[in-house]
């Protein structure tokens, strides 16, 4: 037994302004992404940011693969907000 357990709040994740705007508005983005083995353009809808072992990620629906996917924030080279479809 005992008192309440203190859990520190999650660290703030610094997102690029364009990504943050799309996340807040739930709007799709067209990104140029530098992957492990290749670079690609993808259309995504951001869901939420997260961190693992000090690396920031964006959890998003990838329209090209039609599945949820993790994107490293530092590997998003450019982004463009797309109109709602």
N, C-alpha and C. Protein backbone atom coordinates (compact mmCIF):
# COMPACT_ATOMS: atom_id res chain seq x y z
N UNK A 1 0.84 -1.15 0.00
CA UNK A 1 0.00 0.00 0.00
C UNK A 1 0.90 1.23 0.00
N UNK A 2 0.33 2.32 -0.05
CA UNK A 2 1.12 3.54 -0.03
C UNK A 2 0.38 4.67 -0.68
N UNK A 3 1.10 5.70 -0.92
CA UNK A 3 0.50 6.89 -1.51
C UNK A 3 0.41 6.78 -3.02
N UNK A 4 0.06 7.89 -3.60
CA UNK A 4 -0.07 7.97 -5.06
C UNK A 4 1.30 7.80 -5.71
N UNK A 5 1.32 7.25 -6.88
CA UNK A 5 2.55 7.08 -7.64
C UNK A 5 2.70 8.27 -8.56
N UNK A 6 3.86 8.91 -8.52
CA UNK A 6 4.11 10.05 -9.39
C UNK A 6 4.59 9.57 -10.74
N UNK A 7 3.91 10.00 -11.77
CA UNK A 7 4.32 9.71 -13.14
C UNK A 7 4.57 11.05 -13.81
N UNK A 8 5.79 11.31 -14.24
CA UNK A 8 6.07 12.59 -14.86
C UNK A 8 5.31 12.74 -16.17
N UNK A 9 4.94 13.96 -16.53
CA UNK A 9 4.25 14.16 -17.81
C UNK A 9 5.20 13.82 -18.96
N UNK A 10 4.64 13.40 -20.09
CA UNK A 10 5.50 13.08 -21.23
C UNK A 10 6.22 14.34 -21.72
N UNK A 11 7.40 14.14 -22.25
CA UNK A 11 8.17 15.26 -22.78
C UNK A 11 7.46 15.83 -24.00
N UNK A 12 7.53 17.15 -24.13
CA UNK A 12 6.94 17.80 -25.30
C UNK A 12 7.74 17.40 -26.53
N UNK A 13 7.04 17.12 -27.61
CA UNK A 13 7.70 16.72 -28.85
C UNK A 13 7.63 17.92 -29.79
N UNK A 14 8.79 18.34 -30.24
CA UNK A 14 8.89 19.50 -31.12
C UNK A 14 8.58 19.06 -32.55
N UNK A 15 7.44 19.48 -33.06
CA UNK A 15 7.03 19.13 -34.42
C UNK A 15 7.22 20.34 -35.34
N UNK A 16 7.56 20.10 -36.61
CA UNK A 16 7.57 21.20 -37.56
C UNK A 16 6.18 21.85 -37.61
N UNK A 17 6.13 23.16 -37.82
CA UNK A 17 4.87 23.90 -37.80
C UNK A 17 3.82 23.30 -38.73
N UNK A 18 4.23 22.95 -39.94
CA UNK A 18 3.29 22.40 -40.92
C UNK A 18 2.70 21.08 -40.44
N UNK A 19 3.52 20.23 -39.87
CA UNK A 19 3.06 18.94 -39.34
C UNK A 19 2.13 19.18 -38.15
N UNK A 20 2.49 20.11 -37.28
CA UNK A 20 1.66 20.43 -36.13
C UNK A 20 0.29 20.96 -36.57
N UNK A 21 0.27 21.83 -37.59
CA UNK A 21 -1.01 22.35 -38.11
C UNK A 21 -1.87 21.23 -38.67
N UNK A 22 -1.28 20.35 -39.46
CA UNK A 22 -2.03 19.23 -40.04
C UNK A 22 -2.55 18.30 -38.96
N UNK A 23 -1.76 18.08 -37.93
CA UNK A 23 -2.17 17.22 -36.81
C UNK A 23 -3.36 17.84 -36.09
N UNK A 24 -3.27 19.12 -35.81
CA UNK A 24 -4.34 19.82 -35.09
C UNK A 24 -5.64 19.84 -35.91
N UNK A 25 -5.53 20.02 -37.21
CA UNK A 25 -6.71 20.10 -38.09
C UNK A 25 -7.13 18.75 -38.65
N UNK A 26 -6.33 17.69 -38.34
CA UNK A 26 -6.57 16.35 -38.88
C UNK A 26 -6.64 16.37 -40.41
N UNK A 27 -5.69 17.09 -40.98
CA UNK A 27 -5.63 17.27 -42.43
C UNK A 27 -4.50 16.42 -43.02
N UNK A 28 -4.68 15.88 -44.22
CA UNK A 28 -3.63 15.06 -44.83
C UNK A 28 -2.42 15.90 -45.25
N UNK A 29 -1.28 15.23 -45.29
CA UNK A 29 -0.02 15.83 -45.72
C UNK A 29 0.59 15.01 -46.84
N UNK A 30 1.29 15.66 -47.71
CA UNK A 30 2.15 14.98 -48.69
C UNK A 30 3.57 15.22 -48.19
N UNK A 31 4.30 14.15 -47.87
CA UNK A 31 5.64 14.30 -47.31
C UNK A 31 6.69 13.66 -48.21
N UNK A 32 7.89 14.20 -48.16
CA UNK A 32 9.06 13.55 -48.72
C UNK A 32 9.79 12.96 -47.53
N UNK A 33 9.91 11.64 -47.51
CA UNK A 33 10.41 10.92 -46.35
C UNK A 33 11.68 10.18 -46.71
N UNK A 34 12.73 10.37 -45.89
CA UNK A 34 13.99 9.67 -46.08
C UNK A 34 13.97 8.42 -45.22
N UNK A 35 13.74 7.26 -45.83
CA UNK A 35 13.68 6.00 -45.11
C UNK A 35 15.04 5.37 -44.93
N UNK A 36 15.07 4.20 -44.32
CA UNK A 36 16.33 3.48 -44.11
C UNK A 36 17.00 3.09 -45.43
N UNK A 37 16.19 2.63 -46.36
CA UNK A 37 16.75 2.12 -47.61
C UNK A 37 16.41 2.96 -48.83
N UNK A 38 15.35 3.76 -48.75
CA UNK A 38 14.97 4.57 -49.91
C UNK A 38 14.20 5.80 -49.46
N UNK A 39 14.14 6.78 -50.34
CA UNK A 39 13.35 7.98 -50.11
C UNK A 39 12.04 7.82 -50.85
N UNK A 40 10.97 8.38 -50.28
CA UNK A 40 9.68 8.23 -50.93
C UNK A 40 8.79 9.42 -50.63
N UNK A 41 7.85 9.65 -51.52
CA UNK A 41 6.79 10.62 -51.28
C UNK A 41 5.59 9.82 -50.81
N UNK A 42 4.94 10.32 -49.75
CA UNK A 42 3.78 9.61 -49.20
C UNK A 42 2.71 10.61 -48.83
N UNK A 43 1.48 10.16 -48.89
CA UNK A 43 0.36 10.94 -48.39
C UNK A 43 -0.03 10.31 -47.06
N UNK A 44 -0.04 11.13 -46.01
CA UNK A 44 -0.35 10.64 -44.67
C UNK A 44 -1.36 11.55 -43.99
N UNK A 45 -2.06 11.00 -43.01
CA UNK A 45 -2.88 11.79 -42.10
C UNK A 45 -2.32 11.57 -40.71
N UNK A 46 -1.72 12.61 -40.12
CA UNK A 46 -1.12 12.47 -38.79
C UNK A 46 -2.15 12.11 -37.73
N UNK A 47 -1.77 11.24 -36.78
CA UNK A 47 -2.64 10.86 -35.67
C UNK A 47 -2.12 11.43 -34.36
N UNK A 48 -0.86 11.13 -34.01
CA UNK A 48 -0.27 11.68 -32.78
C UNK A 48 1.24 11.47 -32.80
N UNK A 49 1.97 12.33 -32.09
CA UNK A 49 3.41 12.14 -31.96
C UNK A 49 3.72 11.24 -30.77
N UNK A 50 4.88 10.61 -30.78
CA UNK A 50 5.34 9.80 -29.66
C UNK A 50 6.86 9.77 -29.67
N UNK A 51 7.43 9.26 -28.58
CA UNK A 51 8.88 9.12 -28.49
C UNK A 51 9.22 7.72 -28.01
N UNK A 52 10.36 7.24 -28.49
CA UNK A 52 10.88 5.95 -28.02
C UNK A 52 12.40 6.06 -28.00
N UNK A 53 12.97 5.86 -26.82
CA UNK A 53 14.43 5.92 -26.64
C UNK A 53 15.02 7.21 -27.19
N UNK A 54 14.34 8.31 -26.93
CA UNK A 54 14.86 9.62 -27.32
C UNK A 54 14.63 10.01 -28.77
N UNK A 55 13.96 9.17 -29.54
CA UNK A 55 13.68 9.48 -30.95
C UNK A 55 12.20 9.82 -31.07
N UNK A 56 11.91 10.94 -31.77
CA UNK A 56 10.52 11.38 -31.95
C UNK A 56 9.94 10.78 -33.22
N UNK A 57 8.71 10.31 -33.10
CA UNK A 57 7.99 9.69 -34.21
C UNK A 57 6.63 10.35 -34.39
N UNK A 58 6.09 10.20 -35.59
CA UNK A 58 4.73 10.61 -35.88
C UNK A 58 3.96 9.36 -36.27
N UNK A 59 2.92 9.05 -35.52
CA UNK A 59 2.04 7.94 -35.89
C UNK A 59 1.02 8.53 -36.85
N UNK A 60 0.89 7.91 -38.02
CA UNK A 60 0.01 8.46 -39.05
C UNK A 60 -0.59 7.33 -39.88
N UNK A 61 -1.73 7.65 -40.50
CA UNK A 61 -2.31 6.73 -41.48
C UNK A 61 -1.62 7.01 -42.80
N UNK A 62 -0.95 6.00 -43.36
CA UNK A 62 -0.30 6.14 -44.65
C UNK A 62 -1.32 5.75 -45.73
N UNK A 63 -1.70 6.70 -46.55
CA UNK A 63 -2.71 6.43 -47.57
C UNK A 63 -2.16 5.52 -48.67
N UNK A 64 -0.85 5.62 -48.93
CA UNK A 64 -0.25 4.80 -49.98
C UNK A 64 -0.25 3.32 -49.62
N UNK A 65 -0.05 3.01 -48.34
CA UNK A 65 -0.06 1.62 -47.88
C UNK A 65 -1.39 1.22 -47.26
N UNK A 66 -2.26 2.18 -47.02
CA UNK A 66 -3.55 2.00 -46.37
C UNK A 66 -3.40 1.30 -45.02
N UNK A 67 -2.45 1.83 -44.21
CA UNK A 67 -2.23 1.28 -42.87
C UNK A 67 -1.59 2.33 -41.97
N UNK A 68 -1.67 2.09 -40.68
CA UNK A 68 -1.00 2.96 -39.73
C UNK A 68 0.50 2.70 -39.80
N UNK A 69 1.27 3.78 -39.68
CA UNK A 69 2.71 3.66 -39.86
C UNK A 69 3.42 4.65 -38.95
N UNK A 70 4.64 4.33 -38.54
CA UNK A 70 5.48 5.24 -37.75
C UNK A 70 6.45 5.95 -38.69
N UNK A 71 6.54 7.27 -38.54
CA UNK A 71 7.49 8.06 -39.32
C UNK A 71 8.39 8.82 -38.36
N UNK A 72 9.69 8.66 -38.51
CA UNK A 72 10.61 9.43 -37.68
C UNK A 72 10.51 10.90 -38.08
N UNK A 73 10.32 11.77 -37.11
CA UNK A 73 10.17 13.20 -37.38
C UNK A 73 11.40 13.74 -38.10
N UNK A 74 12.59 13.31 -37.68
CA UNK A 74 13.81 13.85 -38.28
C UNK A 74 14.07 13.34 -39.70
N UNK A 75 13.24 12.43 -40.18
CA UNK A 75 13.39 11.94 -41.55
C UNK A 75 12.34 12.50 -42.51
N UNK A 76 11.47 13.36 -41.99
CA UNK A 76 10.51 14.06 -42.87
C UNK A 76 11.24 15.27 -43.41
N UNK A 77 11.59 15.21 -44.70
CA UNK A 77 12.40 16.26 -45.32
C UNK A 77 11.55 17.47 -45.67
N UNK A 78 10.37 17.24 -46.22
CA UNK A 78 9.47 18.34 -46.57
C UNK A 78 8.03 17.86 -46.43
N UNK A 79 7.12 18.82 -46.28
CA UNK A 79 5.70 18.48 -46.12
C UNK A 79 4.85 19.57 -46.75
N UNK A 80 3.70 19.15 -47.24
CA UNK A 80 2.72 20.07 -47.84
C UNK A 80 1.34 19.64 -47.37
N UNK A 81 0.58 20.59 -46.83
CA UNK A 81 -0.78 20.28 -46.41
C UNK A 81 -1.66 20.13 -47.64
N UNK A 82 -2.44 19.07 -47.67
CA UNK A 82 -3.35 18.80 -48.78
C UNK A 82 -4.78 19.18 -48.38
N UNK A 83 -5.61 19.53 -49.35
CA UNK A 83 -7.01 19.81 -49.04
C UNK A 83 -7.72 18.52 -48.63
N UNK A 84 -8.79 18.66 -47.87
CA UNK A 84 -9.59 17.50 -47.49
C UNK A 84 -10.19 16.90 -48.74
N UNK A 85 -10.26 15.55 -48.77
CA UNK A 85 -10.86 14.89 -49.93
C UNK A 85 -12.13 14.19 -49.56
